[in-house]
Amino acid sequence: METKPCIVIVEDHPVMRNGLAAWFTAANNWNVTGMASTLEEAKNFFRNPNFNVDIVLLDIQLADGWGLDLIPWLDAQTLSEKKPYFAVYSSFDNYAHVNAALCYGVRAYISKQRSEYEVENILQEVLNGKRVEPWIDETVSSKYQNIMEYIELLTKREAEILTLIKRGFSNQQIAESLHITRKTVENHLANIHDKTGLSRLDLMAM
């Protein structure tokens, strides 16, 4: 008898969380072995050394924190040699969130515009190992790819400023570090924004 894959759903919206759980249960292709509405509840699930999960469907924005923080936290645990796959299910479609999720090692970034049926198929594809690269929803992938292309258009100086922005430097600190005026920094930042369309917060999150 074929063993069903086990899924844990981490979602703070109760209607969506329960709806997803009901769908996966009714589909009869999955075992819903856990549900969590907060980051702490998710951690408590994984604190059990006997946890059983193949994939975690994870919302980014939770009431008590950043859902993606569950991934490095779990990596740091020695409770189990088996680490599950992570798939993000989110309404965020901007570069910063997609890039952050990919940097955390998620195997899929799925838009909440997708139906439960589509989500199930995507997760099956991830578990079956059919993709080498992470699955990125087409509703956000074009934005992500375009911005990556725009970043390649930055000048050497703009790239230097971007690096310092990502390190949390203020405009004055950037000016002092690069031995240029603050006004010059502001001009470069305007150029970076024109090329990428990213806000300062988005740049910091890259």
Protein backbone atom coordinates (compact mmCIF):
# COMPACT_ATOMS: atom_id res chain seq x y z
CA MET A 1 0.00 0.00 0.00
CA GLU A 2 1.41 3.35 -1.03
CA THR A 3 2.12 5.74 1.82
CA LYS A 4 0.46 9.13 1.55
CA PRO A 5 2.69 12.19 1.89
CA CYS A 6 2.24 14.13 5.10
CA ILE A 7 1.56 17.85 5.06
CA VAL A 8 1.56 20.54 7.76
CA ILE A 9 -0.37 23.75 7.13
CA VAL A 10 0.88 26.96 8.76
CA GLU A 11 -1.69 29.68 8.10
CA ASP A 12 -3.05 32.34 10.45
CA HIS A 13 -6.43 32.79 8.74
CA PRO A 14 -8.74 30.15 10.28
CA VAL A 15 -11.11 29.88 7.31
CA MET A 16 -8.25 29.35 4.87
CA ARG A 17 -6.36 27.03 7.20
CA ASN A 18 -9.37 24.82 7.84
CA GLY A 19 -10.42 24.98 4.20
CA LEU A 20 -7.01 23.79 3.02
CA ALA A 21 -6.98 21.00 5.60
CA ALA A 22 -10.45 19.87 4.52
CA TRP A 23 -9.41 19.89 0.87
CA PHE A 24 -6.25 17.82 1.38
CA THR A 25 -8.13 15.38 3.60
CA ALA A 26 -10.98 14.99 1.11
CA ALA A 27 -8.56 14.57 -1.80
CA ASN A 28 -7.47 11.36 -0.05
CA ASN A 29 -3.92 11.75 -1.36
CA TRP A 30 -2.48 13.31 1.79
CA ASN A 31 -2.23 12.99 5.53
CA VAL A 32 -2.70 16.35 7.25
CA THR A 33 -0.49 15.69 10.26
CA GLY A 34 -0.49 19.20 11.69
CA MET A 35 -1.92 22.70 11.53
CA ALA A 36 -0.62 25.91 13.08
CA SER A 37 -1.84 29.48 13.17
CA THR A 38 1.33 31.02 14.60
CA LEU A 39 5.08 30.60 14.38
CA GLU A 40 5.20 29.33 17.96
CA GLU A 41 2.53 26.71 17.31
CA ALA A 42 4.51 25.51 14.29
CA LYS A 43 7.68 25.28 16.39
CA ASN A 44 5.82 23.31 19.04
CA PHE A 45 4.80 20.79 16.39
CA PHE A 46 8.41 20.28 15.35
CA ARG A 47 9.61 20.08 18.95
CA ASN A 48 7.97 16.68 19.05
CA PRO A 49 10.80 14.29 18.04
CA ASN A 50 8.23 12.02 16.39
CA PHE A 51 6.87 14.60 13.97
CA ASN A 52 5.89 13.24 10.58
CA VAL A 53 5.85 15.66 7.65
CA ASP A 54 7.04 15.68 4.06
CA ILE A 55 6.07 19.23 3.15
CA VAL A 56 5.03 22.40 4.98
CA LEU A 57 2.60 24.81 3.33
CA LEU A 58 3.64 28.09 4.90
CA ASP A 59 2.17 31.57 5.02
CA ILE A 60 4.77 34.35 5.25
CA GLN A 61 2.92 36.81 7.46
CA LEU A 62 1.89 35.32 10.80
CA ALA A 63 0.50 37.08 13.85
CA ASP A 64 3.60 36.47 15.95
CA GLY A 65 6.32 36.82 13.34
CA TRP A 66 7.86 36.03 9.98
CA GLY A 67 6.75 32.59 8.86
CA LEU A 68 9.98 31.99 6.96
CA ASP A 69 11.88 32.09 10.27
CA LEU A 70 10.58 28.57 10.86
CA ILE A 71 13.00 27.26 8.22
CA PRO A 72 16.36 28.24 9.77
CA TRP A 73 14.96 27.44 13.21
CA LEU A 74 14.17 23.90 12.10
CA ASP A 75 17.54 23.57 10.34
CA ALA A 76 19.22 24.36 13.66
CA GLN A 77 17.36 21.59 15.49
CA THR A 78 18.77 18.11 15.93
CA LEU A 79 15.39 16.53 16.53
CA SER A 80 15.28 14.72 13.22
CA GLU A 81 17.56 13.96 10.31
CA LYS A 82 14.64 14.31 7.93
CA LYS A 83 13.90 17.90 6.94
CA PRO A 84 10.63 18.62 5.13
CA TYR A 85 10.21 20.65 1.99
CA PHE A 86 8.74 24.12 2.41
CA ALA A 87 6.27 25.78 0.06
CA VAL A 88 5.05 29.34 0.54
CA TYR A 89 1.36 30.11 -0.01
CA SER A 90 1.08 33.89 0.05
CA SER A 91 -0.82 36.92 -1.20
CA PHE A 92 2.44 38.88 -1.47
CA ASP A 93 3.63 39.15 -5.07
CA ASN A 94 6.53 41.60 -4.78
CA TYR A 95 10.22 40.99 -5.38
CA ALA A 96 11.27 41.33 -1.74
CA HIS A 97 9.02 38.55 -0.47
CA VAL A 98 9.75 36.17 -3.34
CA ASN A 99 13.49 36.73 -3.08
CA ALA A 100 13.45 36.29 0.69
CA ALA A 101 11.56 33.02 0.36
CA LEU A 102 13.99 31.67 -2.23
CA CYS A 103 16.94 32.69 -0.05
CA TYR A 104 15.39 30.67 2.78
CA GLY A 105 15.32 27.64 0.51
CA VAL A 106 11.61 27.18 -0.23
CA ARG A 107 10.80 24.79 -3.05
CA ALA A 108 7.70 26.61 -4.25
CA TYR A 109 6.21 30.10 -4.06
CA ILE A 110 2.47 29.85 -4.70
CA SER A 111 0.04 32.73 -5.02
CA LYS A 112 -3.15 32.64 -2.94
CA GLN A 113 -4.98 33.27 -6.19
CA ARG A 114 -4.42 29.56 -6.89
CA SER A 115 -7.18 27.06 -6.15
CA GLU A 116 -6.73 24.17 -3.75
CA TYR A 117 -6.59 21.80 -6.73
CA GLU A 118 -3.73 23.78 -8.28
CA VAL A 119 -1.90 23.96 -4.95
CA GLU A 120 -2.14 20.18 -4.58
CA ASN A 121 -0.71 19.60 -8.06
CA ILE A 122 2.19 21.98 -7.42
CA LEU A 123 3.04 20.30 -4.12
CA GLN A 124 2.91 16.88 -5.76
CA GLU A 125 5.33 18.14 -8.39
CA VAL A 126 7.71 19.35 -5.68
CA LEU A 127 7.55 16.07 -3.77
CA ASN A 128 8.05 14.01 -6.92
CA GLY A 129 11.32 15.82 -7.56
CA LYS A 130 10.34 16.84 -11.07
CA ARG A 131 11.94 20.26 -10.74
CA VAL A 132 15.56 21.19 -10.06
CA GLU A 133 14.74 24.87 -9.61
CA PRO A 134 12.07 26.14 -7.18
CA TRP A 135 8.57 26.52 -8.57
CA ILE A 136 7.64 30.22 -8.74
CA ASP A 137 4.06 31.17 -9.50
CA GLU A 138 3.74 32.75 -12.92
CA THR A 139 1.73 35.58 -11.35
CA VAL A 140 4.93 36.75 -9.62
CA SER A 141 7.78 35.19 -11.61
CA SER A 142 7.69 37.82 -14.36
CA LYS A 143 8.12 40.58 -11.78
CA TYR A 144 10.97 38.70 -10.12
CA GLN A 145 12.78 38.00 -13.39
CA ASN A 146 12.35 41.57 -14.65
CA ILE A 147 13.84 43.05 -11.51
CA MET A 148 16.78 40.65 -11.66
CA GLU A 149 17.41 41.86 -15.21
CA TYR A 150 17.14 45.49 -14.13
CA ILE A 151 19.66 44.95 -11.33
CA GLU A 152 22.15 43.77 -13.94
CA LEU A 153 21.83 47.24 -15.54
CA LEU A 154 23.14 49.03 -12.46
CA THR A 155 26.45 50.85 -12.76
CA LYS A 156 29.36 49.85 -10.57
CA ARG A 157 28.69 52.78 -8.22
CA GLU A 158 24.97 52.00 -8.05
CA ALA A 159 25.80 48.38 -7.24
CA GLU A 160 28.10 49.56 -4.43
CA ILE A 161 25.33 51.71 -3.00
CA LEU A 162 22.85 48.84 -3.27
CA THR A 163 25.23 46.64 -1.27
CA LEU A 164 25.42 49.25 1.49
CA ILE A 165 21.65 49.77 1.46
CA LYS A 166 21.21 46.02 2.03
CA ARG A 167 23.56 46.33 5.02
CA GLY A 168 21.28 48.98 6.52
CA PHE A 169 23.46 52.03 5.89
CA SER A 170 21.82 55.47 5.93
CA ASN A 171 22.42 57.91 3.08
CA GLN A 172 24.94 59.80 5.20
CA GLN A 173 26.79 56.61 6.11
CA ILE A 174 26.91 55.59 2.45
CA ALA A 175 28.30 59.01 1.50
CA GLU A 176 31.02 58.78 4.14
CA SER A 177 31.88 55.18 3.23
CA LEU A 178 32.23 55.95 -0.50
CA HIS A 179 33.70 59.45 -0.02
CA ILE A 180 30.96 61.15 -2.00
CA THR A 181 28.32 63.72 -1.09
CA ARG A 182 24.93 62.83 0.32
CA LYS A 183 23.33 64.51 -2.68
CA THR A 184 25.26 62.20 -4.99
CA VAL A 185 24.01 59.22 -3.01
CA GLU A 186 20.43 60.46 -3.37
CA ASN A 187 20.90 60.86 -7.13
CA HIS A 188 22.21 57.31 -7.43
CA LEU A 189 19.30 56.01 -5.34
CA ALA A 190 16.87 57.76 -7.66
CA ASN A 191 18.54 56.03 -10.61
CA ILE A 192 18.34 52.66 -8.86
CA HIS A 193 14.64 53.19 -8.19
CA ASP A 194 14.02 54.19 -11.81
CA LYS A 195 15.78 51.05 -13.07
CA THR A 196 14.27 48.53 -10.64
CA GLY A 197 11.07 50.09 -9.36
CA LEU A 198 12.07 48.99 -5.85
CA SER A 199 11.57 51.03 -2.70
CA ARG A 200 14.31 51.41 -0.11
CA LEU A 201 12.61 48.75 2.05
CA ASP A 202 12.53 46.37 -0.90
CA LEU A 203 16.23 47.01 -1.54
CA MET A 204 17.05 46.34 2.11
CA ALA A 205 15.15 43.04 1.96
CA MET A 206 17.07 41.75 -1.05
